């Protein structure tokens, strides 16, 4: 069911829409992310189906496909979706706060995406991700580490909303939505991040 996206998301998406060229000009892939997604690929295995939220430049999807994983690309920013389509890749316009997620996946991957949500929106997105996968299911995500939330024009001269997380609160939110963290790393090479891989916890109705 389609809902109206909240203001923090619509304003942030609008900044990416208008600033995509600037974002891509300043974009670079970190060795940490390459190592992280390699861990994700090994856990998924060849033949897995992966839903990627916020595909953006599309580098992660290309890597997963090189490992024999079928990726559904998606982004809330139409400019990124059209860019991927122009490159001959299938991609869908999808906003985790306004849309239901497709189902039947082995995993959900969200690199630097869910950090644009408030804590309440994040909890809802985690529940949607849990419904999107089949057991045992996997969720991989990267979040900015810190306290509170803020609008910032850093790295892109347009306003974007970020929520910052500490490990305890992040893991508690994941578990509350039915995800059991199996891998957690703190990254400080450029700025503080927390990267997590989670498995879908057994639910009472699955027993």
N, C-alpha and C. Protein backbone atom coordinates (compact mmCIF):
# COMPACT_ATOMS: atom_id res chain seq x y z
N UNK A 1 0.84 -1.19 0.00
CA UNK A 1 0.00 0.00 0.00
C UNK A 1 0.88 1.24 0.00
N UNK A 2 0.62 2.15 -0.91
CA UNK A 2 1.40 3.37 -1.02
C UNK A 2 0.94 4.38 0.01
N UNK A 3 1.88 4.94 0.77
CA UNK A 3 1.60 5.99 1.73
C UNK A 3 2.40 7.23 1.35
N UNK A 4 2.16 8.32 2.05
CA UNK A 4 2.89 9.55 1.80
C UNK A 4 4.20 9.51 2.57
N UNK A 5 5.30 9.77 1.89
CA UNK A 5 6.60 9.77 2.55
C UNK A 5 6.69 10.95 3.51
N UNK A 6 7.34 10.78 4.65
CA UNK A 6 7.49 11.88 5.62
C UNK A 6 8.44 12.95 5.11
N UNK A 7 8.37 14.12 5.75
CA UNK A 7 9.13 15.28 5.27
C UNK A 7 10.63 15.03 5.28
N UNK A 8 11.16 14.37 6.30
CA UNK A 8 12.60 14.16 6.35
C UNK A 8 13.08 13.33 5.16
N UNK A 9 12.23 12.43 4.69
CA UNK A 9 12.58 11.60 3.55
C UNK A 9 12.40 12.37 2.25
N UNK A 10 11.27 13.06 2.09
CA UNK A 10 11.03 13.77 0.83
C UNK A 10 12.07 14.87 0.60
N UNK A 11 12.46 15.58 1.66
CA UNK A 11 13.48 16.63 1.50
C UNK A 11 14.85 16.04 1.19
N UNK A 12 15.17 14.93 1.85
CA UNK A 12 16.46 14.29 1.59
C UNK A 12 16.51 13.73 0.17
N UNK A 13 15.43 13.08 -0.25
CA UNK A 13 15.37 12.55 -1.62
C UNK A 13 15.47 13.69 -2.63
N UNK A 14 14.80 14.81 -2.36
CA UNK A 14 14.88 15.96 -3.27
C UNK A 14 16.31 16.46 -3.40
N UNK A 15 17.07 16.41 -2.32
CA UNK A 15 18.48 16.83 -2.38
C UNK A 15 19.29 15.90 -3.27
N UNK A 16 19.02 14.59 -3.19
CA UNK A 16 19.70 13.66 -4.09
C UNK A 16 19.25 13.84 -5.53
N UNK A 17 17.97 14.12 -5.72
CA UNK A 17 17.46 14.33 -7.09
C UNK A 17 18.19 15.49 -7.76
N UNK A 18 18.29 16.60 -7.06
CA UNK A 18 18.89 17.80 -7.63
C UNK A 18 20.42 17.74 -7.59
N UNK A 19 20.95 16.95 -6.66
CA UNK A 19 22.40 16.96 -6.49
C UNK A 19 23.09 15.67 -6.89
N UNK A 20 22.44 14.84 -7.73
CA UNK A 20 23.03 13.55 -8.06
C UNK A 20 24.40 13.69 -8.71
N UNK A 21 24.55 14.63 -9.63
CA UNK A 21 25.84 14.80 -10.31
C UNK A 21 26.94 15.16 -9.31
N UNK A 22 26.63 16.06 -8.38
CA UNK A 22 27.60 16.44 -7.36
C UNK A 22 27.93 15.24 -6.46
N UNK A 23 26.90 14.49 -6.09
CA UNK A 23 27.11 13.32 -5.24
C UNK A 23 28.03 12.31 -5.93
N UNK A 24 27.77 12.03 -7.19
CA UNK A 24 28.58 11.05 -7.92
C UNK A 24 30.01 11.55 -8.11
N UNK A 25 30.17 12.85 -8.30
CA UNK A 25 31.51 13.41 -8.48
C UNK A 25 32.36 13.25 -7.22
N UNK A 26 31.71 13.25 -6.07
CA UNK A 26 32.43 13.14 -4.80
C UNK A 26 32.41 11.73 -4.23
N UNK A 27 31.74 10.82 -4.94
CA UNK A 27 31.56 9.46 -4.42
C UNK A 27 32.81 8.62 -4.63
N UNK A 28 33.17 7.87 -3.61
CA UNK A 28 34.25 6.89 -3.74
C UNK A 28 33.94 5.72 -2.82
N UNK A 29 34.29 4.55 -3.27
CA UNK A 29 34.01 3.34 -2.51
C UNK A 29 35.12 3.09 -1.50
N UNK A 30 34.75 2.78 -0.27
CA UNK A 30 35.76 2.54 0.75
C UNK A 30 36.14 1.07 0.79
N UNK A 31 37.39 0.76 1.14
CA UNK A 31 37.79 -0.64 1.31
C UNK A 31 36.94 -1.36 2.35
N UNK A 32 36.48 -0.62 3.35
CA UNK A 32 35.67 -1.23 4.40
C UNK A 32 34.36 -1.76 3.85
N UNK A 33 33.74 -0.98 2.96
CA UNK A 33 32.48 -1.43 2.36
C UNK A 33 32.72 -2.63 1.45
N UNK A 34 33.81 -2.62 0.72
CA UNK A 34 34.11 -3.78 -0.13
C UNK A 34 34.27 -5.04 0.71
N UNK A 35 34.94 -4.92 1.85
CA UNK A 35 35.12 -6.07 2.74
C UNK A 35 33.79 -6.49 3.35
N UNK A 36 32.96 -5.51 3.72
CA UNK A 36 31.68 -5.81 4.34
C UNK A 36 30.76 -6.55 3.38
N UNK A 37 30.64 -6.05 2.16
CA UNK A 37 29.73 -6.71 1.23
C UNK A 37 30.25 -8.09 0.83
N UNK A 38 31.58 -8.30 0.89
CA UNK A 38 32.12 -9.62 0.64
C UNK A 38 31.64 -10.60 1.71
N UNK A 39 31.60 -10.14 2.97
CA UNK A 39 31.08 -10.98 4.05
C UNK A 39 29.60 -11.30 3.80
N UNK A 40 28.85 -10.29 3.36
CA UNK A 40 27.43 -10.50 3.08
C UNK A 40 27.25 -11.53 1.97
N UNK A 41 28.03 -11.40 0.91
CA UNK A 41 27.92 -12.32 -0.23
C UNK A 41 28.22 -13.76 0.19
N UNK A 42 29.24 -13.93 1.02
CA UNK A 42 29.58 -15.28 1.48
C UNK A 42 28.46 -15.89 2.31
N UNK A 43 27.82 -15.08 3.11
CA UNK A 43 26.72 -15.59 3.93
C UNK A 43 25.49 -15.91 3.11
N UNK A 44 25.25 -15.14 2.07
CA UNK A 44 24.10 -15.40 1.22
C UNK A 44 24.32 -16.64 0.34
N UNK A 45 25.47 -16.70 -0.31
CA UNK A 45 25.78 -17.81 -1.20
C UNK A 45 25.23 -17.61 -2.61
N UNK A 46 25.83 -18.28 -3.55
CA UNK A 46 25.40 -18.19 -4.95
C UNK A 46 23.96 -18.67 -5.09
N UNK A 47 23.23 -18.00 -5.96
CA UNK A 47 21.84 -18.35 -6.20
C UNK A 47 20.85 -17.66 -5.29
N UNK A 48 21.34 -16.90 -4.30
CA UNK A 48 20.45 -16.19 -3.38
C UNK A 48 19.76 -15.03 -4.09
N UNK A 49 18.63 -14.62 -3.55
CA UNK A 49 17.88 -13.45 -4.05
C UNK A 49 17.99 -12.34 -3.02
N UNK A 50 18.43 -11.16 -3.48
CA UNK A 50 18.71 -10.05 -2.57
C UNK A 50 17.94 -8.81 -2.99
N UNK A 51 17.25 -8.20 -2.05
CA UNK A 51 16.61 -6.91 -2.27
C UNK A 51 17.54 -5.83 -1.74
N UNK A 52 17.96 -4.93 -2.63
CA UNK A 52 18.81 -3.82 -2.21
C UNK A 52 17.98 -2.56 -2.08
N UNK A 53 18.02 -1.95 -0.90
CA UNK A 53 17.36 -0.68 -0.66
C UNK A 53 18.37 0.44 -0.86
N UNK A 54 18.03 1.42 -1.67
CA UNK A 54 18.94 2.53 -1.91
C UNK A 54 20.16 2.14 -2.71
N UNK A 55 19.95 1.65 -3.91
CA UNK A 55 21.07 1.17 -4.74
C UNK A 55 22.01 2.29 -5.14
N UNK A 56 21.50 3.53 -5.25
CA UNK A 56 22.36 4.67 -5.55
C UNK A 56 23.22 4.47 -6.78
N UNK A 57 24.55 4.60 -6.66
CA UNK A 57 25.44 4.44 -7.81
C UNK A 57 25.43 3.03 -8.40
N UNK A 58 25.02 2.03 -7.62
CA UNK A 58 24.86 0.69 -8.15
C UNK A 58 26.06 -0.23 -8.03
N UNK A 59 27.15 0.22 -7.39
CA UNK A 59 28.35 -0.61 -7.30
C UNK A 59 28.13 -1.88 -6.49
N UNK A 60 27.37 -1.78 -5.41
CA UNK A 60 27.14 -2.95 -4.57
C UNK A 60 26.38 -4.03 -5.35
N UNK A 61 25.36 -3.61 -6.07
CA UNK A 61 24.57 -4.58 -6.85
C UNK A 61 25.43 -5.30 -7.88
N UNK A 62 26.30 -4.56 -8.55
CA UNK A 62 27.18 -5.19 -9.54
C UNK A 62 28.09 -6.21 -8.90
N UNK A 63 28.59 -5.89 -7.70
CA UNK A 63 29.45 -6.85 -7.01
C UNK A 63 28.67 -8.12 -6.66
N UNK A 64 27.49 -7.95 -6.06
CA UNK A 64 26.72 -9.13 -5.67
C UNK A 64 26.38 -10.00 -6.89
N UNK A 65 26.06 -9.36 -7.99
CA UNK A 65 25.77 -10.14 -9.20
C UNK A 65 27.01 -10.90 -9.68
N UNK A 66 28.19 -10.32 -9.50
CA UNK A 66 29.42 -11.02 -9.89
C UNK A 66 29.65 -12.25 -9.03
N UNK A 67 28.98 -12.31 -7.87
CA UNK A 67 29.10 -13.46 -6.97
C UNK A 67 27.94 -14.43 -7.13
N UNK A 68 27.18 -14.27 -8.20
CA UNK A 68 26.09 -15.20 -8.48
C UNK A 68 24.83 -14.95 -7.70
N UNK A 69 24.65 -13.74 -7.18
CA UNK A 69 23.47 -13.38 -6.40
C UNK A 69 22.54 -12.53 -7.26
N UNK A 70 21.27 -12.86 -7.27
CA UNK A 70 20.27 -12.11 -8.04
C UNK A 70 19.82 -10.91 -7.23
N UNK A 71 20.01 -9.72 -7.76
CA UNK A 71 19.74 -8.49 -7.02
C UNK A 71 18.55 -7.74 -7.61
N UNK A 72 17.62 -7.33 -6.76
CA UNK A 72 16.58 -6.39 -7.15
C UNK A 72 17.03 -5.01 -6.70
N UNK A 73 17.37 -4.16 -7.66
CA UNK A 73 17.82 -2.80 -7.35
C UNK A 73 16.62 -1.92 -7.05
N UNK A 74 16.78 -1.01 -6.08
CA UNK A 74 15.71 -0.06 -5.80
C UNK A 74 16.30 1.22 -5.21
N UNK A 75 15.57 2.28 -5.37
CA UNK A 75 15.98 3.55 -4.76
C UNK A 75 14.75 4.46 -4.69
N UNK A 76 14.72 5.32 -3.69
CA UNK A 76 13.65 6.31 -3.57
C UNK A 76 13.91 7.52 -4.45
N UNK A 77 15.13 7.64 -4.95
CA UNK A 77 15.51 8.78 -5.80
C UNK A 77 15.36 8.38 -7.26
N UNK A 78 14.45 9.04 -7.95
CA UNK A 78 14.17 8.69 -9.34
C UNK A 78 15.41 8.86 -10.22
N UNK A 79 16.23 9.86 -9.94
CA UNK A 79 17.42 10.10 -10.75
C UNK A 79 18.36 8.89 -10.73
N UNK A 80 18.52 8.26 -9.57
CA UNK A 80 19.36 7.07 -9.49
C UNK A 80 18.72 5.89 -10.23
N UNK A 81 17.42 5.74 -10.07
CA UNK A 81 16.72 4.66 -10.77
C UNK A 81 16.86 4.80 -12.28
N UNK A 82 16.67 6.01 -12.78
CA UNK A 82 16.77 6.23 -14.23
C UNK A 82 18.21 6.03 -14.70
N UNK A 83 19.18 6.40 -13.89
CA UNK A 83 20.58 6.19 -14.25
C UNK A 83 20.88 4.70 -14.39
N UNK A 84 20.39 3.90 -13.45
CA UNK A 84 20.60 2.46 -13.53
C UNK A 84 19.90 1.86 -14.74
N UNK A 85 18.70 2.32 -15.01
CA UNK A 85 17.96 1.83 -16.18
C UNK A 85 18.68 2.20 -17.47
N UNK A 86 19.22 3.41 -17.52
CA UNK A 86 19.97 3.84 -18.71
C UNK A 86 21.20 2.97 -18.94
N UNK A 87 21.73 2.39 -17.85
CA UNK A 87 22.89 1.50 -17.95
C UNK A 87 22.48 0.06 -18.27
N UNK A 88 21.18 -0.15 -18.53
CA UNK A 88 20.70 -1.47 -18.90
C UNK A 88 20.37 -2.36 -17.71
N UNK A 89 20.24 -1.77 -16.52
CA UNK A 89 19.95 -2.55 -15.32
C UNK A 89 18.50 -2.33 -14.91
N UNK A 90 17.84 -3.39 -14.48
CA UNK A 90 16.49 -3.24 -13.97
C UNK A 90 16.55 -2.60 -12.59
N UNK A 91 15.69 -1.63 -12.35
CA UNK A 91 15.66 -0.94 -11.06
C UNK A 91 14.25 -0.44 -10.84
N UNK A 92 13.85 -0.42 -9.58
CA UNK A 92 12.49 0.03 -9.26
C UNK A 92 12.53 1.20 -8.29
N UNK A 93 11.56 2.09 -8.44
CA UNK A 93 11.41 3.22 -7.52
C UNK A 93 10.74 2.69 -6.26
N UNK A 94 11.41 2.81 -5.13
CA UNK A 94 10.89 2.21 -3.89
C UNK A 94 11.33 3.05 -2.70
N UNK A 95 10.36 3.45 -1.89
CA UNK A 95 10.61 4.22 -0.67
C UNK A 95 10.16 3.38 0.51
N UNK A 96 11.10 2.99 1.36
CA UNK A 96 10.78 2.07 2.45
C UNK A 96 9.80 2.68 3.45
N UNK A 97 9.66 4.00 3.50
CA UNK A 97 8.72 4.62 4.42
C UNK A 97 7.32 4.74 3.83
N UNK A 98 7.20 4.67 2.52
CA UNK A 98 5.90 4.88 1.88
C UNK A 98 5.36 3.64 1.17
N UNK A 99 6.22 2.69 0.87
CA UNK A 99 5.82 1.51 0.09
C UNK A 99 5.98 0.23 0.91
N UNK A 100 5.18 -0.76 0.55
CA UNK A 100 5.42 -2.11 1.05
C UNK A 100 6.58 -2.70 0.27
N UNK A 101 7.38 -3.53 0.92
CA UNK A 101 8.51 -4.15 0.24
C UNK A 101 8.07 -5.44 -0.43
N UNK A 102 8.65 -5.76 -1.58
CA UNK A 102 8.36 -7.05 -2.21
C UNK A 102 8.87 -8.18 -1.32
N UNK A 103 8.34 -9.37 -1.51
CA UNK A 103 8.66 -10.49 -0.63
C UNK A 103 9.35 -11.62 -1.39
N UNK A 104 9.79 -12.62 -0.63
CA UNK A 104 10.39 -13.81 -1.22
C UNK A 104 11.89 -13.76 -1.37
N UNK A 105 12.55 -12.87 -0.63
CA UNK A 105 14.00 -12.70 -0.77
C UNK A 105 14.75 -13.49 0.31
N UNK A 106 16.01 -13.78 0.01
CA UNK A 106 16.88 -14.40 1.00
C UNK A 106 17.56 -13.36 1.88
N UNK A 107 17.62 -12.13 1.40
CA UNK A 107 18.26 -11.08 2.18
C UNK A 107 17.85 -9.69 1.74
N UNK A 108 18.07 -8.73 2.63
CA UNK A 108 17.86 -7.31 2.35
C UNK A 108 19.16 -6.60 2.67
N UNK A 109 19.60 -5.73 1.77
CA UNK A 109 20.87 -5.01 1.91
C UNK A 109 20.59 -3.52 1.84
N UNK A 110 21.09 -2.79 2.84
CA UNK A 110 20.84 -1.34 2.90
C UNK A 110 22.12 -0.65 3.34
N UNK A 111 22.91 -0.20 2.39
CA UNK A 111 24.18 0.47 2.65
C UNK A 111 23.96 1.98 2.68
N UNK A 112 24.11 2.58 3.86
CA UNK A 112 23.99 4.04 4.02
C UNK A 112 22.64 4.55 3.52
N UNK A 113 21.58 3.87 3.91
CA UNK A 113 20.23 4.23 3.46
C UNK A 113 19.30 4.49 4.64
N UNK A 114 19.20 3.53 5.54
CA UNK A 114 18.24 3.65 6.64
C UNK A 114 18.65 4.70 7.65
N UNK A 115 19.84 5.25 7.52
CA UNK A 115 20.30 6.33 8.39
C UNK A 115 19.57 7.64 8.12
N UNK A 116 18.80 7.70 7.03
CA UNK A 116 18.02 8.90 6.74
C UNK A 116 16.66 8.89 7.43
N UNK A 117 16.36 7.82 8.18
CA UNK A 117 15.06 7.67 8.83
C UNK A 117 15.14 8.06 10.30
N UNK A 118 14.02 8.53 10.82
CA UNK A 118 13.92 8.72 12.27
C UNK A 118 13.95 7.35 12.95
N UNK A 119 14.08 7.34 14.26
CA UNK A 119 14.12 6.06 14.97
C UNK A 119 12.81 5.29 14.82
N UNK A 120 11.69 5.99 14.84
CA UNK A 120 10.39 5.33 14.65
C UNK A 120 10.28 4.77 13.23
N UNK A 121 10.68 5.56 12.24
CA UNK A 121 10.65 5.09 10.85
C UNK A 121 11.60 3.90 10.64
N UNK A 122 12.73 3.94 11.32
CA UNK A 122 13.70 2.85 11.22
C UNK A 122 13.10 1.56 11.75
N UNK A 123 12.42 1.62 12.89
CA UNK A 123 11.78 0.43 13.45
C UNK A 123 10.76 -0.15 12.49
N UNK A 124 9.99 0.70 11.84
CA UNK A 124 9.01 0.24 10.86
C UNK A 124 9.69 -0.40 9.66
N UNK A 125 10.80 0.19 9.21
CA UNK A 125 11.53 -0.36 8.06
C UNK A 125 12.10 -1.74 8.39
N UNK A 126 12.56 -1.92 9.62
CA UNK A 126 13.09 -3.22 10.02
C UNK A 126 12.01 -4.29 10.00
N UNK A 127 10.81 -3.94 10.41
CA UNK A 127 9.70 -4.89 10.38
C UNK A 127 9.32 -5.23 8.95
N UNK A 128 9.35 -4.24 8.07
CA UNK A 128 9.08 -4.50 6.65
C UNK A 128 10.13 -5.43 6.06
N UNK A 129 11.38 -5.21 6.42
CA UNK A 129 12.46 -6.07 5.92
C UNK A 129 12.27 -7.50 6.39
N UNK A 130 11.81 -7.67 7.63
CA UNK A 130 11.58 -9.01 8.16
C UNK A 130 10.48 -9.73 7.38
N UNK A 131 9.48 -8.98 6.93
CA UNK A 131 8.40 -9.59 6.15
C UNK A 131 8.83 -9.85 4.71
N UNK A 132 9.90 -9.20 4.29
CA UNK A 132 10.35 -9.30 2.90
C UNK A 132 11.15 -10.57 2.64
N UNK A 133 11.73 -11.17 3.69
CA UNK A 133 12.61 -12.32 3.50
C UNK A 133 11.94 -13.61 3.95
N UNK A 134 12.46 -14.71 3.42
CA UNK A 134 12.04 -16.03 3.88
C UNK A 134 13.11 -16.55 4.83
N UNK A 135 12.67 -17.36 5.79
CA UNK A 135 13.60 -17.89 6.80
C UNK A 135 14.70 -18.71 6.12
N UNK A 136 15.96 -18.62 6.60
CA UNK A 136 16.38 -17.90 7.80
C UNK A 136 16.50 -16.39 7.60
N UNK A 137 16.71 -15.93 6.38
CA UNK A 137 16.71 -14.50 6.11
C UNK A 137 17.92 -13.76 6.64
N UNK A 138 18.33 -12.74 5.92
CA UNK A 138 19.51 -11.94 6.28
C UNK A 138 19.22 -10.48 6.05
N UNK A 139 19.73 -9.64 6.95
CA UNK A 139 19.67 -8.19 6.80
C UNK A 139 21.06 -7.64 7.01
N UNK A 140 21.54 -6.85 6.08
CA UNK A 140 22.85 -6.20 6.20
C UNK A 140 22.64 -4.70 6.05
N UNK A 141 23.20 -3.92 6.98
CA UNK A 141 23.00 -2.48 6.93
C UNK A 141 24.20 -1.76 7.51
N UNK A 142 24.39 -0.52 7.07
CA UNK A 142 25.44 0.35 7.58
C UNK A 142 24.80 1.64 8.06
N UNK A 143 25.19 2.08 9.27
CA UNK A 143 24.59 3.24 9.90
C UNK A 143 25.69 4.16 10.44
N UNK A 144 25.42 5.45 10.48
CA UNK A 144 26.36 6.39 11.07
C UNK A 144 26.33 6.26 12.60
N UNK A 145 27.51 6.28 13.21
CA UNK A 145 27.60 6.15 14.67
C UNK A 145 27.66 7.53 15.30
N UNK A 146 26.90 7.69 16.38
CA UNK A 146 26.88 8.96 17.08
C UNK A 146 25.60 9.10 17.87
N UNK A 147 25.25 10.35 18.22
CA UNK A 147 24.10 10.62 19.07
C UNK A 147 23.15 11.59 18.38
N UNK A 148 21.87 11.39 18.60
CA UNK A 148 20.86 12.32 18.12
C UNK A 148 20.61 12.23 16.63
N UNK A 149 20.10 13.32 16.08
CA UNK A 149 19.85 13.41 14.64
C UNK A 149 20.08 14.84 14.20
N UNK A 150 20.22 15.06 12.89
CA UNK A 150 20.54 16.40 12.40
C UNK A 150 20.32 16.50 10.90
N UNK A 151 20.06 17.72 10.47
CA UNK A 151 20.11 18.06 9.05
C UNK A 151 21.51 18.60 8.76
N UNK A 152 22.09 18.16 7.65
CA UNK A 152 23.43 18.62 7.31
C UNK A 152 23.59 18.75 5.80
N UNK A 153 24.42 19.69 5.41
CA UNK A 153 24.78 19.86 4.00
C UNK A 153 26.21 19.41 3.74
N UNK A 154 26.80 18.70 4.68
CA UNK A 154 28.16 18.19 4.50
C UNK A 154 28.19 17.18 3.36
N UNK A 155 29.22 17.24 2.54
CA UNK A 155 29.47 16.33 1.41
C UNK A 155 28.52 16.54 0.23
N UNK A 156 27.42 17.21 0.46
CA UNK A 156 26.48 17.53 -0.60
C UNK A 156 25.85 18.86 -0.22
N UNK A 157 25.95 19.83 -1.08
CA UNK A 157 25.54 21.19 -0.72
C UNK A 157 24.02 21.35 -0.73
N UNK A 158 23.34 20.37 -0.19
CA UNK A 158 21.89 20.38 -0.07
C UNK A 158 21.55 19.63 1.21
N UNK A 159 20.44 19.97 1.86
CA UNK A 159 20.14 19.39 3.17
C UNK A 159 19.75 17.91 3.10
N UNK A 160 20.35 17.13 4.00
CA UNK A 160 19.97 15.72 4.16
C UNK A 160 19.80 15.44 5.64
N UNK A 161 18.85 14.57 5.95
CA UNK A 161 18.56 14.23 7.34
C UNK A 161 19.30 12.94 7.72
N UNK A 162 19.91 12.93 8.91
CA UNK A 162 20.60 11.74 9.40
C UNK A 162 20.21 11.48 10.86
N UNK A 163 20.07 10.21 11.18
CA UNK A 163 19.95 9.77 12.57
C UNK A 163 21.21 8.99 12.90
N UNK A 164 21.76 9.25 14.07
CA UNK A 164 23.00 8.61 14.50
C UNK A 164 22.70 7.59 15.59
N UNK A 165 23.47 6.51 15.61
CA UNK A 165 23.17 5.40 16.50
C UNK A 165 24.40 4.98 17.30
N UNK A 166 24.15 4.51 18.52
CA UNK A 166 25.13 3.80 19.31
C UNK A 166 24.79 2.31 19.25
N UNK A 167 25.80 1.49 19.46
CA UNK A 167 25.60 0.05 19.26
C UNK A 167 24.45 -0.52 20.09
N UNK A 168 24.38 -0.17 21.35
CA UNK A 168 23.35 -0.74 22.21
C UNK A 168 21.95 -0.45 21.70
N UNK A 169 21.68 0.79 21.36
CA UNK A 169 20.35 1.17 20.88
C UNK A 169 20.06 0.53 19.52
N UNK A 170 21.07 0.46 18.67
CA UNK A 170 20.88 -0.13 17.35
C UNK A 170 20.54 -1.62 17.45
N UNK A 171 21.29 -2.35 18.26
CA UNK A 171 21.04 -3.78 18.40
C UNK A 171 19.69 -4.04 19.06
N UNK A 172 19.30 -3.17 19.99
CA UNK A 172 18.00 -3.32 20.64
C UNK A 172 16.88 -3.12 19.61
N UNK A 173 17.01 -2.14 18.73
CA UNK A 173 16.00 -1.90 17.71
C UNK A 173 15.92 -3.08 16.74
N UNK A 174 17.06 -3.62 16.37
CA UNK A 174 17.08 -4.78 15.47
C UNK A 174 16.38 -5.97 16.11
N UNK A 175 16.70 -6.25 17.35
CA UNK A 175 16.09 -7.41 18.03
C UNK A 175 14.60 -7.21 18.23
N UNK A 176 14.17 -5.98 18.51
CA UNK A 176 12.75 -5.71 18.69
C UNK A 176 11.95 -6.00 17.43
N UNK A 177 12.60 -5.89 16.28
CA UNK A 177 11.93 -6.13 14.99
C UNK A 177 12.11 -7.57 14.51
N UNK A 178 12.77 -8.41 15.33
CA UNK A 178 12.91 -9.82 14.95
C UNK A 178 14.21 -10.18 14.29
N UNK A 179 15.21 -9.30 14.40
CA UNK A 179 16.51 -9.57 13.79
C UNK A 179 17.54 -9.85 14.89
N UNK A 180 18.33 -10.89 14.70
CA UNK A 180 19.39 -11.20 15.65
C UNK A 180 20.75 -10.87 15.03
N UNK A 181 21.44 -9.85 15.53
CA UNK A 181 22.75 -9.48 14.97
C UNK A 181 23.76 -10.62 15.12
N UNK A 182 24.44 -10.94 14.03
CA UNK A 182 25.46 -11.99 14.06
C UNK A 182 26.85 -11.44 13.75
N UNK A 183 26.90 -10.21 13.28
CA UNK A 183 28.19 -9.57 12.98
C UNK A 183 28.03 -8.07 13.16
N UNK A 184 28.91 -7.47 13.94
CA UNK A 184 28.88 -6.02 14.18
C UNK A 184 30.31 -5.51 14.09
N UNK A 185 30.52 -4.43 13.32
CA UNK A 185 31.85 -3.82 13.27
C UNK A 185 31.71 -2.31 13.37
N UNK A 186 32.71 -1.71 14.01
CA UNK A 186 32.78 -0.25 14.12
C UNK A 186 33.87 0.22 13.17
N UNK A 187 33.54 1.19 12.34
CA UNK A 187 34.45 1.70 11.32
C UNK A 187 34.76 3.16 11.64
N UNK A 188 36.04 3.52 11.63
CA UNK A 188 36.42 4.91 11.94
C UNK A 188 37.39 5.48 10.92
N UNK A 189 37.56 4.81 9.76
CA UNK A 189 38.56 5.25 8.79
C UNK A 189 38.29 6.67 8.31
N UNK A 190 37.06 6.99 7.95
CA UNK A 190 36.71 8.34 7.48
C UNK A 190 35.85 9.06 8.53
N UNK A 191 34.86 8.36 9.02
CA UNK A 191 33.97 8.85 10.06
C UNK A 191 33.37 7.63 10.73
N UNK A 192 32.79 7.78 11.92
CA UNK A 192 32.31 6.60 12.64
C UNK A 192 31.06 5.98 12.00
N UNK A 193 31.13 4.68 11.78
CA UNK A 193 30.01 3.90 11.25
C UNK A 193 29.86 2.63 12.07
N UNK A 194 28.66 2.07 12.03
CA UNK A 194 28.40 0.73 12.57
C UNK A 194 27.81 -0.10 11.44
N UNK A 195 28.45 -1.21 11.13
CA UNK A 195 27.98 -2.12 10.09
C UNK A 195 27.49 -3.41 10.75
N UNK A 196 26.33 -3.90 10.34
CA UNK A 196 25.73 -5.08 10.97
C UNK A 196 25.23 -6.06 9.92
N UNK A 197 25.36 -7.33 10.26
CA UNK A 197 24.70 -8.41 9.53
C UNK A 197 23.83 -9.14 10.53
N UNK A 198 22.57 -9.36 10.19
CA UNK A 198 21.62 -9.97 11.10
C UNK A 198 20.91 -11.15 10.43
N UNK A 199 20.46 -12.08 11.25
CA UNK A 199 19.63 -13.19 10.80
C UNK A 199 18.23 -13.01 11.36
N UNK A 200 17.26 -13.49 10.63
CA UNK A 200 15.88 -13.41 11.09
C UNK A 200 15.68 -14.38 12.25
N UNK A 201 15.30 -13.86 13.40
CA UNK A 201 15.15 -14.70 14.59
C UNK A 201 13.92 -15.58 14.44
N UNK A 202 13.96 -16.74 15.07
CA UNK A 202 12.81 -17.64 15.05
C UNK A 202 11.64 -16.97 15.75
N UNK A 203 10.47 -17.06 15.12
CA UNK A 203 9.28 -16.47 15.72
C UNK A 203 8.39 -17.55 16.29
N UNK A 204 7.58 -17.17 17.28
CA UNK A 204 6.74 -18.15 17.96
C UNK A 204 5.80 -18.86 16.99
N UNK A 205 5.30 -18.12 15.98
CA UNK A 205 4.37 -18.75 15.04
C UNK A 205 5.06 -19.65 14.04
N UNK A 206 6.44 -19.70 14.08
CA UNK A 206 7.17 -20.59 13.21
C UNK A 206 7.42 -21.96 13.87
N UNK A 207 7.15 -22.02 15.17
CA UNK A 207 7.45 -23.25 15.93
C UNK A 207 6.45 -24.35 15.59
